[in-house]
Amino acid sequence: MAHGIYIYTEIQNRKSAPYTAELISLAESLQMDETIHVFGLEGTDIFYEQEAAEIIADYIRKEDPMIILVPAIGTAKAIFSRVAAMLDIGMTADCTELYIENGIFKQKKPAFGNEVMVVTEERDEPALVTVVIGGCNKSEKYPTASVTVLKPEISGASTRFLGISEQNTEEIIDAETILAVGRGVLDNHGYQTAVLLAKKIGAAIGGTRPLVDQGVIPFEHQIGQTGCVVHPKCCIFVGVSGAIQHTEGVRDTNVKIAINNDPNAAIFSFADYGIVADGNEFMNKLMEKL
């Protein structure tokens, strides 16, 4: 019989990822009489996704968990989509809220091109869901949580180690100031100016999904329902239209400042302060002042 809530974490240098505490908090919020377990695969950079999925699928078959929570980040989602296929179960992706209602495990997530929020039921066992990072507080129990580290034998026959690519997800999630950029800054080297401006004011760079799709910013810095949820003290939006799938990821910001050349842009109804101006010109003028 399935039992326990299992949380997947990425492990590097014998340390679990910072988002682990948040997933533990989310598991605790379900108020189920189930033990919470944390597990991870050490050095996922040296595995192909298929190899990692096979190792994790074997572990899940042995442990027989009730629920598995996975961070909705690129590598983990790629691995666990394969795990789901191997175990012949479903996987609900990019959840922003989890809860139990009438004894049924339910999830809230964006759908239909991020235009609406829907509630789904994951009734498979194990119930496998990926969770958007940054949506809840860190658990106080995290410092004492134990982690099961999977250390398989590696033959090296089909794997070639190319190096480690750092993902600075923690930088934007923990940032007090964020410069959020949209398609409106892509002309005339606007993104390069945004990077320089962010460095000047001590801000982290975030952005909208179109910039991720075009390869301008990494997925780990996408803000929104299908990216990460952030809680900065101040967020400056430059060239951002204000679509709900983006603004939902930064709703708890204390001070929101928007710069857009369209006076009717939706971002102005979301922001505390608005400036109708060309985003690139604004950033250049501000750089001169600084």
C-alpha atoms as a PDB file:
ATOM      1  CA  MET A   1       0.000   0.000   0.000  1.00  0.00           C
ATOM      2  CA  ALA A   2       1.349   3.430  -0.966  1.00  0.00           C
ATOM      3  CA  HIS A   3       2.565   5.621   1.872  1.00  0.00           C
ATOM      4  CA  GLY A   4       4.541   8.818   2.484  1.00  0.00           C
ATOM      5  CA  ILE A   5       5.076  12.128   0.694  1.00  0.00           C
ATOM      6  CA  TYR A   6       8.342  12.076  -1.247  1.00  0.00           C
ATOM      7  CA  ILE A   7      10.154  15.244  -2.316  1.00  0.00           C
ATOM      8  CA  TYR A   8      12.752  15.292  -5.072  1.00  0.00           C
ATOM      9  CA  THR A   9      15.731  17.646  -4.778  1.00  0.00           C
ATOM     10  CA  GLU A  10      18.811  18.269  -6.868  1.00  0.00           C
ATOM     11  CA  ILE A  11      22.035  17.528  -4.983  1.00  0.00           C
ATOM     12  CA  GLN A  12      25.374  19.156  -5.717  1.00  0.00           C
ATOM     13  CA  ASN A  13      28.456  19.037  -3.495  1.00  0.00           C
ATOM     14  CA  ARG A  14      26.464  17.034  -0.921  1.00  0.00           C
ATOM     15  CA  LYS A  15      23.944  19.857  -0.516  1.00  0.00           C
ATOM     16  CA  SER A  16      20.287  19.815  -1.471  1.00  0.00           C
ATOM     17  CA  ALA A  17      18.841  22.715  -3.461  1.00  0.00           C
ATOM     18  CA  PRO A  18      17.492  25.772  -1.563  1.00  0.00           C
ATOM     19  CA  TYR A  19      13.949  25.146  -2.823  1.00  0.00           C
ATOM     20  CA  THR A  20      13.797  21.905  -0.796  1.00  0.00           C
ATOM     21  CA  ALA A  21      12.601  23.752   2.305  1.00  0.00           C
ATOM     22  CA  GLU A  22       9.732  25.263   0.355  1.00  0.00           C
ATOM     23  CA  LEU A  23       8.580  21.868  -0.905  1.00  0.00           C
ATOM     24  CA  ILE A  24       8.722  20.500   2.648  1.00  0.00           C
ATOM     25  CA  SER A  25       6.489  23.374   3.775  1.00  0.00           C
ATOM     26  CA  LEU A  26       4.067  22.588   0.985  1.00  0.00           C
ATOM     27  CA  ALA A  27       3.972  18.917   1.988  1.00  0.00           C
ATOM     28  CA  GLU A  28       3.318  19.892   5.615  1.00  0.00           C
ATOM     29  CA  SER A  29       0.481  22.204   4.551  1.00  0.00           C
ATOM     30  CA  LEU A  30      -1.439  19.196   3.179  1.00  0.00           C
ATOM     31  CA  GLN A  31      -1.864  18.071   6.828  1.00  0.00           C
ATOM     32  CA  MET A  32      -1.769  14.422   5.943  1.00  0.00           C
ATOM     33  CA  ASP A  33      -0.795  11.746   8.415  1.00  0.00           C
ATOM     34  CA  GLU A  34       2.130  10.759   6.229  1.00  0.00           C
ATOM     35  CA  THR A  35       5.901  10.837   6.720  1.00  0.00           C
ATOM     36  CA  ILE A  36       7.788  13.317   4.529  1.00  0.00           C
ATOM     37  CA  HIS A  37      10.861  11.951   2.759  1.00  0.00           C
ATOM     38  CA  VAL A  38      13.434  13.873   0.708  1.00  0.00           C
ATOM     39  CA  PHE A  39      15.484  12.141  -1.963  1.00  0.00           C
ATOM     40  CA  GLY A  40      17.783  13.143  -4.771  1.00  0.00           C
ATOM     41  CA  LEU A  41      20.284  11.937  -7.313  1.00  0.00           C
ATOM     42  CA  GLU A  42      23.788  13.200  -6.693  1.00  0.00           C
ATOM     43  CA  GLY A  43      25.439  14.822  -9.684  1.00  0.00           C
ATOM     44  CA  THR A  44      22.545  14.811 -12.159  1.00  0.00           C
ATOM     45  CA  ASP A  45      24.831  16.736 -14.542  1.00  0.00           C
ATOM     46  CA  ILE A  46      26.736  13.539 -15.334  1.00  0.00           C
ATOM     47  CA  PHE A  47      23.634  11.541 -16.296  1.00  0.00           C
ATOM     48  CA  TYR A  48      21.549  11.560 -19.392  1.00  0.00           C
ATOM     49  CA  GLU A  49      17.913  12.241 -18.500  1.00  0.00           C
ATOM     50  CA  GLN A  50      16.953   8.698 -19.463  1.00  0.00           C
ATOM     51  CA  GLU A  51      19.572   7.179 -17.146  1.00  0.00           C
ATOM     52  CA  ALA A  52      18.507   9.404 -14.249  1.00  0.00           C
ATOM     53  CA  ALA A  53      14.859   8.513 -14.852  1.00  0.00           C
ATOM     54  CA  GLU A  54      15.600   4.788 -14.745  1.00  0.00           C
ATOM     55  CA  ILE A  55      17.418   5.113 -11.410  1.00  0.00           C
ATOM     56  CA  ILE A  56      14.630   7.178  -9.868  1.00  0.00           C
ATOM     57  CA  ALA A  57      11.873   4.926 -11.243  1.00  0.00           C
ATOM     58  CA  ASP A  58      13.529   1.909  -9.587  1.00  0.00           C
ATOM     59  CA  TYR A  59      13.696   3.813  -6.291  1.00  0.00           C
ATOM     60  CA  ILE A  60      10.007   4.776  -6.485  1.00  0.00           C
ATOM     61  CA  ARG A  61       8.949   1.193  -7.232  1.00  0.00           C
ATOM     62  CA  LYS A  62      10.789   0.046  -4.122  1.00  0.00           C
ATOM     63  CA  GLU A  63       9.529   2.841  -1.814  1.00  0.00           C
ATOM     64  CA  ASP A  64       5.919   2.922  -3.102  1.00  0.00           C
ATOM     65  CA  PRO A  65       5.155   6.583  -2.173  1.00  0.00           C
ATOM     66  CA  MET A  66       1.667   8.095  -2.065  1.00  0.00           C
ATOM     67  CA  ILE A  67       2.650  11.549  -3.403  1.00  0.00           C
ATOM     68  CA  ILE A  68       5.796  12.800  -5.143  1.00  0.00           C
ATOM     69  CA  LEU A  69       6.556  16.537  -5.274  1.00  0.00           C
ATOM     70  CA  VAL A  70       9.051  17.716  -7.891  1.00  0.00           C
ATOM     71  CA  PRO A  71      10.326  21.268  -8.537  1.00  0.00           C
ATOM     72  CA  ALA A  72       9.002  22.647 -11.826  1.00  0.00           C
ATOM     73  CA  ILE A  73      12.433  23.367 -13.263  1.00  0.00           C
ATOM     74  CA  GLY A  74      13.882  22.241 -16.562  1.00  0.00           C
ATOM     75  CA  THR A  75      16.049  19.262 -15.596  1.00  0.00           C
ATOM     76  CA  ALA A  76      13.652  17.816 -13.020  1.00  0.00           C
ATOM     77  CA  LYS A  77      10.623  18.078 -15.320  1.00  0.00           C
ATOM     78  CA  ALA A  78      12.515  16.397 -18.147  1.00  0.00           C
ATOM     79  CA  ILE A  79      13.567  13.521 -15.886  1.00  0.00           C
ATOM     80  CA  PHE A  80      10.185  12.973 -14.247  1.00  0.00           C
ATOM     81  CA  SER A  81       8.212  13.037 -17.488  1.00  0.00           C
ATOM     82  CA  ARG A  82      10.243   9.926 -18.327  1.00  0.00           C
ATOM     83  CA  VAL A  83       9.697   8.515 -14.828  1.00  0.00           C
ATOM     84  CA  ALA A  84       5.932   8.909 -15.275  1.00  0.00           C
ATOM     85  CA  ALA A  85       6.072   7.012 -18.571  1.00  0.00           C
ATOM     86  CA  MET A  86       8.147   4.217 -17.002  1.00  0.00           C
ATOM     87  CA  LEU A  87       5.708   3.852 -14.104  1.00  0.00           C
ATOM     88  CA  ASP A  88       2.648   4.267 -16.356  1.00  0.00           C
ATOM     89  CA  ILE A  89       1.228   7.107 -14.244  1.00  0.00           C
ATOM     90  CA  GLY A  90       0.175  10.683 -14.928  1.00  0.00           C
ATOM     91  CA  MET A  91       2.097  13.842 -14.055  1.00  0.00           C
ATOM     92  CA  THR A  92       0.435  17.186 -13.356  1.00  0.00           C
ATOM     93  CA  ALA A  93       2.934  19.927 -14.276  1.00  0.00           C
ATOM     94  CA  ASP A  94       3.511  23.508 -13.098  1.00  0.00           C
ATOM     95  CA  CYS A  95       1.186  23.451 -10.073  1.00  0.00           C
ATOM     96  CA  THR A  96       0.885  26.672  -8.077  1.00  0.00           C
ATOM     97  CA  GLU A  97      -1.257  25.319  -5.228  1.00  0.00           C
ATOM     98  CA  LEU A  98      -1.846  21.887  -3.679  1.00  0.00           C
ATOM     99  CA  TYR A  99      -4.542  20.885  -1.199  1.00  0.00           C
ATOM    100  CA  ILE A 100      -6.724  18.047   0.062  1.00  0.00           C
ATOM    101  CA  GLU A 101     -10.502  18.339  -0.414  1.00  0.00           C
ATOM    102  CA  ASN A 102     -12.895  15.622   0.755  1.00  0.00           C
ATOM    103  CA  GLY A 103      -9.960  13.260   0.966  1.00  0.00           C
ATOM    104  CA  ILE A 104      -8.922  13.905  -2.661  1.00  0.00           C
ATOM    105  CA  PHE A 105      -5.521  15.341  -3.606  1.00  0.00           C
ATOM    106  CA  LYS A 106      -6.097  18.423  -5.815  1.00  0.00           C
ATOM    107  CA  GLN A 107      -3.882  20.841  -7.692  1.00  0.00           C
ATOM    108  CA  LYS A 108      -4.323  24.346  -9.080  1.00  0.00           C
ATOM    109  CA  LYS A 109      -2.374  25.193 -12.232  1.00  0.00           C
ATOM    110  CA  PRO A 110      -2.448  27.450 -15.303  1.00  0.00           C
ATOM    111  CA  ALA A 111      -3.925  26.060 -18.527  1.00  0.00           C
ATOM    112  CA  PHE A 112      -5.060  27.004 -22.039  1.00  0.00           C
ATOM    113  CA  GLY A 113      -2.008  29.095 -22.811  1.00  0.00           C
ATOM    114  CA  ASN A 114      -1.844  30.406 -19.234  1.00  0.00           C
ATOM    115  CA  GLU A 115      -5.102  32.307 -19.742  1.00  0.00           C
ATOM    116  CA  VAL A 116      -7.026  30.519 -16.967  1.00  0.00           C
ATOM    117  CA  MET A 117      -6.383  28.656 -13.721  1.00  0.00           C
ATOM    118  CA  VAL A 118      -7.834  25.164 -13.416  1.00  0.00           C
ATOM    119  CA  VAL A 119      -8.181  22.613 -10.611  1.00  0.00           C
ATOM    120  CA  THR A 120      -7.127  19.055 -11.366  1.00  0.00           C
ATOM    121  CA  GLU A 121      -7.247  15.783  -9.433  1.00  0.00           C
ATOM    122  CA  GLU A 122      -4.256  13.461  -9.451  1.00  0.00           C
ATOM    123  CA  ARG A 123      -5.618  10.074  -8.420  1.00  0.00           C
ATOM    124  CA  ASP A 124      -2.804   7.804  -9.574  1.00  0.00           C
ATOM    125  CA  GLU A 125      -0.527   6.230  -6.998  1.00  0.00           C
ATOM    126  CA  PRO A 126       1.931   7.630  -6.688  1.00  0.00           C
ATOM    127  CA  ALA A 127       0.439  11.046  -7.437  1.00  0.00           C
ATOM    128  CA  LEU A 128       3.229  12.844  -9.286  1.00  0.00           C
ATOM    129  CA  VAL A 129       3.175  16.658  -9.553  1.00  0.00           C
ATOM    130  CA  THR A 130       5.690  19.373 -10.368  1.00  0.00           C
ATOM    131  CA  VAL A 131       5.472  22.582  -8.339  1.00  0.00           C
ATOM    132  CA  VAL A 132       6.361  26.152  -9.360  1.00  0.00           C
ATOM    133  CA  ILE A 133       9.171  27.321  -7.078  1.00  0.00           C
ATOM    134  CA  GLY A 134       8.817  30.406  -4.874  1.00  0.00           C
ATOM    135  CA  GLY A 135       5.171  30.077  -3.919  1.00  0.00           C
ATOM    136  CA  CYS A 136       5.334  29.391  -0.167  1.00  0.00           C
ATOM    137  CA  ASN A 137       7.463  29.968   2.919  1.00  0.00           C
ATOM    138  CA  LYS A 138      10.411  27.802   3.892  1.00  0.00           C
ATOM    139  CA  SER A 139       9.888  25.164   6.537  1.00  0.00           C
ATOM    140  CA  GLU A 140      11.497  25.655   9.926  1.00  0.00           C
ATOM    141  CA  LYS A 141      12.042  21.897  10.014  1.00  0.00           C
ATOM    142  CA  TYR A 142      14.282  22.001   6.963  1.00  0.00           C
ATOM    143  CA  PRO A 143      17.672  22.175   8.778  1.00  0.00           C
ATOM    144  CA  THR A 144      17.012  18.772  10.393  1.00  0.00           C
ATOM    145  CA  ALA A 145      15.391  17.056   7.405  1.00  0.00           C
ATOM    146  CA  SER A 146      17.246  13.944   6.246  1.00  0.00           C
ATOM    147  CA  VAL A 147      17.890  13.329   2.549  1.00  0.00           C
ATOM    148  CA  THR A 148      18.237   9.976   0.815  1.00  0.00           C
ATOM    149  CA  VAL A 149      20.995  10.313  -1.762  1.00  0.00           C
ATOM    150  CA  LEU A 150      20.880   7.870  -4.651  1.00  0.00           C
ATOM    151  CA  LYS A 151      24.394   6.838  -5.683  1.00  0.00           C
ATOM    152  CA  PRO A 152      24.214   4.372  -8.561  1.00  0.00           C
ATOM    153  CA  GLU A 153      27.154   2.681 -10.203  1.00  0.00           C
ATOM    154  CA  ILE A 154      28.142   4.514 -13.386  1.00  0.00           C
ATOM    155  CA  SER A 155      29.781   2.530 -16.177  1.00  0.00           C
ATOM    156  CA  GLY A 156      30.511   5.591 -18.275  1.00  0.00           C
ATOM    157  CA  ALA A 157      29.850   3.634 -21.455  1.00  0.00           C
ATOM    158  CA  SER A 158      27.090   5.914 -22.701  1.00  0.00           C
ATOM    159  CA  THR A 159      27.857   9.105 -20.766  1.00  0.00           C
ATOM    160  CA  ARG A 160      30.333  11.801 -21.559  1.00  0.00           C
ATOM    161  CA  PHE A 161      30.963  14.450 -18.881  1.00  0.00           C
ATOM    162  CA  LEU A 162      31.085  17.903 -20.456  1.00  0.00           C
ATOM    163  CA  GLY A 163      31.022  20.100 -17.373  1.00  0.00           C
ATOM    164  CA  ILE A 164      28.596  21.698 -14.924  1.00  0.00           C
ATOM    165  CA  SER A 165      26.319  24.563 -15.851  1.00  0.00           C
ATOM    166  CA  GLU A 166      25.252  26.622 -12.849  1.00  0.00           C
ATOM    167  CA  GLN A 167      21.606  27.583 -12.483  1.00  0.00           C
ATOM    168  CA  ASN A 168      21.261  30.730 -10.374  1.00  0.00           C
ATOM    169  CA  THR A 169      17.612  30.180  -9.468  1.00  0.00           C
ATOM    170  CA  GLU A 170      18.273  31.130  -5.843  1.00  0.00           C
ATOM    171  CA  GLU A 171      19.598  34.530  -6.961  1.00  0.00           C
ATOM    172  CA  ILE A 172      16.240  35.704  -8.295  1.00  0.00           C
ATOM    173  CA  ILE A 173      14.020  33.968  -5.732  1.00  0.00           C
ATOM    174  CA  ASP A 174      15.861  35.576  -2.812  1.00  0.00           C
ATOM    175  CA  ALA A 175      16.468  38.967  -4.471  1.00  0.00           C
ATOM    176  CA  GLU A 176      15.159  42.097  -2.725  1.00  0.00           C
ATOM    177  CA  THR A 177      15.137  44.065  -6.002  1.00  0.00           C
ATOM    178  CA  ILE A 178      14.273  42.649  -9.419  1.00  0.00           C
ATOM    179  CA  LEU A 179      14.453  44.245 -12.846  1.00  0.00           C
ATOM    180  CA  ALA A 180      11.806  42.412 -14.889  1.00  0.00           C
ATOM    181  CA  VAL A 181      12.083  42.827 -18.646  1.00  0.00           C
ATOM    182  CA  GLY A 182       9.715  42.035 -21.483  1.00  0.00           C
ATOM    183  CA  ARG A 183       9.734  42.072 -25.265  1.00  0.00           C
ATOM    184  CA  GLY A 184       9.725  45.854 -25.186  1.00  0.00           C
ATOM    185  CA  VAL A 185      13.461  45.941 -24.363  1.00  0.00           C
ATOM    186  CA  LEU A 186      14.691  43.654 -27.131  1.00  0.00           C
ATOM    187  CA  ASP A 187      15.370  46.408 -29.679  1.00  0.00           C
ATOM    188  CA  ASN A 188      18.602  48.450 -29.824  1.00  0.00           C
ATOM    189  CA  HIS A 189      20.561  46.284 -27.386  1.00  0.00           C
ATOM    190  CA  GLY A 190      17.994  46.933 -24.669  1.00  0.00           C
ATOM    191  CA  TYR A 191      18.631  43.677 -22.824  1.00  0.00           C
ATOM    192  CA  GLN A 192      22.355  44.421 -22.522  1.00  0.00           C
ATOM    193  CA  THR A 193      21.445  47.809 -21.056  1.00  0.00           C
ATOM    194  CA  ALA A 194      19.080  46.088 -18.609  1.00  0.00           C
ATOM    195  CA  VAL A 195      21.888  43.807 -17.426  1.00  0.00           C
ATOM    196  CA  LEU A 196      24.170  46.784 -16.796  1.00  0.00           C
ATOM    197  CA  LEU A 197      21.400  48.703 -15.044  1.00  0.00           C
ATOM    198  CA  ALA A 198      20.561  45.729 -12.826  1.00  0.00           C
ATOM    199  CA  LYS A 199      24.202  45.489 -11.777  1.00  0.00           C
ATOM    200  CA  LYS A 200      24.258  49.229 -11.002  1.00  0.00           C
ATOM    201  CA  ILE A 201      21.223  49.074  -8.702  1.00  0.00           C
ATOM    202  CA  GLY A 202      21.988  45.666  -7.192  1.00  0.00           C
ATOM    203  CA  ALA A 203      19.002  43.939  -8.785  1.00  0.00           C
ATOM    204  CA  ALA A 204      18.470  40.459 -10.182  1.00  0.00           C
ATOM    205  CA  ILE A 205      17.284  40.113 -13.780  1.00  0.00           C
ATOM    206  CA  GLY A 206      13.967  38.396 -14.412  1.00  0.00           C
ATOM    207  CA  GLY A 207      11.715  38.281 -17.407  1.00  0.00           C
ATOM    208  CA  THR A 208       8.664  37.087 -19.262  1.00  0.00           C
ATOM    209  CA  ARG A 209       8.167  33.825 -21.143  1.00  0.00           C
ATOM    210  CA  PRO A 210       8.773  35.299 -24.639  1.00  0.00           C
ATOM    211  CA  LEU A 211      12.330  36.190 -23.598  1.00  0.00           C
ATOM    212  CA  VAL A 212      12.881  32.610 -22.449  1.00  0.00           C
ATOM    213  CA  ASP A 213      11.431  31.246 -25.686  1.00  0.00           C
ATOM    214  CA  GLN A 214      13.845  33.445 -27.673  1.00  0.00           C
ATOM    215  CA  GLY A 215      16.807  32.339 -25.564  1.00  0.00           C
ATOM    216  CA  VAL A 216      17.457  35.812 -24.124  1.00  0.00           C
ATOM    217  CA  ILE A 217      17.158  34.750 -20.470  1.00  0.00           C
ATOM    218  CA  PRO A 218      17.386  31.247 -18.943  1.00  0.00           C
ATOM    219  CA  PHE A 219      14.212  29.464 -17.864  1.00  0.00           C
ATOM    220  CA  GLU A 220      15.335  29.722 -14.217  1.00  0.00           C
ATOM    221  CA  HIS A 221      14.801  33.503 -14.428  1.00  0.00           C
ATOM    222  CA  GLN A 222      11.316  33.377 -15.930  1.00  0.00           C
ATOM    223  CA  ILE A 223       8.804  34.982 -13.565  1.00  0.00           C
ATOM    224  CA  GLY A 224       5.206  33.836 -13.616  1.00  0.00           C
ATOM    225  CA  GLN A 225       2.783  30.955 -13.336  1.00  0.00           C
ATOM    226  CA  THR A 226       4.995  28.663 -15.421  1.00  0.00           C
ATOM    227  CA  GLY A 227       8.255  30.086 -14.090  1.00  0.00           C
ATOM    228  CA  CYS A 228       9.201  31.080 -10.561  1.00  0.00           C
ATOM    229  CA  VAL A 229       7.248  33.036  -7.946  1.00  0.00           C
ATOM    230  CA  VAL A 230       9.259  35.835  -6.321  1.00  0.00           C
ATOM    231  CA  HIS A 231       8.725  38.134  -3.337  1.00  0.00           C
ATOM    232  CA  PRO A 232      11.076  41.135  -3.726  1.00  0.00           C
ATOM    233  CA  LYS A 233      10.749  44.420  -1.888  1.00  0.00           C
ATOM    234  CA  CYS A 234      10.820  46.247  -5.228  1.00  0.00           C
ATOM    235  CA  CYS A 235      10.244  45.148  -8.822  1.00  0.00           C
ATOM    236  CA  ILE A 236      10.851  47.400 -11.827  1.00  0.00           C
ATOM    237  CA  PHE A 237       9.025  46.287 -14.983  1.00  0.00           C
ATOM    238  CA  VAL A 238      10.524  47.532 -18.252  1.00  0.00           C
ATOM    239  CA  GLY A 239       8.777  46.749 -21.518  1.00  0.00           C
ATOM    240  CA  VAL A 240       6.427  44.278 -19.796  1.00  0.00           C
ATOM    241  CA  SER A 241       2.841  44.245 -21.067  1.00  0.00           C
ATOM    242  CA  GLY A 242       1.329  42.943 -17.819  1.00  0.00           C
ATOM    243  CA  ALA A 243      -0.182  39.591 -18.804  1.00  0.00           C
ATOM    244  CA  ILE A 244      -1.628  37.783 -15.788  1.00  0.00           C
ATOM    245  CA  GLN A 245       0.606  34.741 -16.250  1.00  0.00           C
ATOM    246  CA  HIS A 246       3.605  37.017 -15.534  1.00  0.00           C
ATOM    247  CA  THR A 247       2.192  39.294 -12.836  1.00  0.00           C
ATOM    248  CA  GLU A 248       0.900  36.371 -10.761  1.00  0.00           C
ATOM    249  CA  GLY A 249       4.526  35.407 -10.188  1.00  0.00           C
ATOM    250  CA  VAL A 250       5.392  38.730  -8.555  1.00  0.00           C
ATOM    251  CA  ARG A 251       2.108  39.748  -6.930  1.00  0.00           C
ATOM    252  CA  ASP A 252       3.491  39.948  -3.373  1.00  0.00           C
ATOM    253  CA  THR A 253       6.054  42.647  -4.252  1.00  0.00           C
ATOM    254  CA  ASN A 254       6.001  45.623  -1.862  1.00  0.00           C
ATOM    255  CA  VAL A 255       6.654  48.315  -4.502  1.00  0.00           C
ATOM    256  CA  LYS A 256       5.936  47.809  -8.208  1.00  0.00           C
ATOM    257  CA  ILE A 257       7.219  50.302 -10.798  1.00  0.00           C
ATOM    258  CA  ALA A 258       6.315  50.003 -14.490  1.00  0.00           C
ATOM    259  CA  ILE A 259       7.844  51.621 -17.575  1.00  0.00           C
ATOM    260  CA  ASN A 260       6.021  51.091 -20.883  1.00  0.00           C
ATOM    261  CA  ASN A 261       5.429  53.214 -23.964  1.00  0.00           C
ATOM    262  CA  ASP A 262       1.790  52.091 -24.192  1.00  0.00           C
ATOM    263  CA  PRO A 263      -0.369  54.144 -21.795  1.00  0.00           C
ATOM    264  CA  ASN A 264      -3.051  51.453 -21.959  1.00  0.00           C
ATOM    265  CA  ALA A 265      -0.725  48.563 -21.042  1.00  0.00           C
ATOM    266  CA  ALA A 266      -2.185  46.233 -18.423  1.00  0.00           C
ATOM    267  CA  ILE A 267       0.952  46.543 -16.314  1.00  0.00           C
ATOM    268  CA  PHE A 268      -0.089  50.046 -15.235  1.00  0.00           C
ATOM    269  CA  SER A 269      -3.200  48.762 -13.462  1.00  0.00           C
ATOM    270  CA  PHE A 270      -0.945  46.323 -11.579  1.00  0.00           C
ATOM    271  CA  ALA A 271       1.884  48.715 -10.670  1.00  0.00           C
ATOM    272  CA  ASP A 272       2.065  51.196  -7.795  1.00  0.00           C
ATOM    273  CA  TYR A 273       3.941  53.712  -9.978  1.00  0.00           C
ATOM    274  CA  GLY A 274       3.831  53.997 -13.762  1.00  0.00           C
ATOM    275  CA  ILE A 275       5.973  55.854 -16.299  1.00  0.00           C
ATOM    276  CA  VAL A 276       4.822  56.125 -19.916  1.00  0.00           C
ATOM    277  CA  ALA A 277       8.106  56.094 -21.806  1.00  0.00           C
ATOM    278  CA  ASP A 278      10.249  54.013 -24.098  1.00  0.00           C
ATOM    279  CA  GLY A 279      11.885  51.392 -21.901  1.00  0.00           C
ATOM    280  CA  ASN A 280      15.297  51.554 -23.550  1.00  0.00           C
ATOM    281  CA  GLU A 281      15.423  55.352 -23.440  1.00  0.00           C
ATOM    282  CA  PHE A 282      14.388  55.285 -19.787  1.00  0.00           C
ATOM    283  CA  MET A 283      17.136  52.818 -18.876  1.00  0.00           C
ATOM    284  CA  ASN A 284      19.768  54.815 -20.748  1.00  0.00           C
ATOM    285  CA  LYS A 285      18.739  58.045 -19.000  1.00  0.00           C
ATOM    286  CA  LEU A 286      18.753  56.321 -15.629  1.00  0.00           C
ATOM    287  CA  MET A 287      22.221  54.900 -16.331  1.00  0.00           C
ATOM    288  CA  GLU A 288      23.433  58.453 -17.045  1.00  0.00           C
ATOM    289  CA  LYS A 289      22.019  59.662 -13.727  1.00  0.00           C
ATOM    290  CA  LEU A 290      23.649  56.789 -11.845  1.00  0.00           C
END
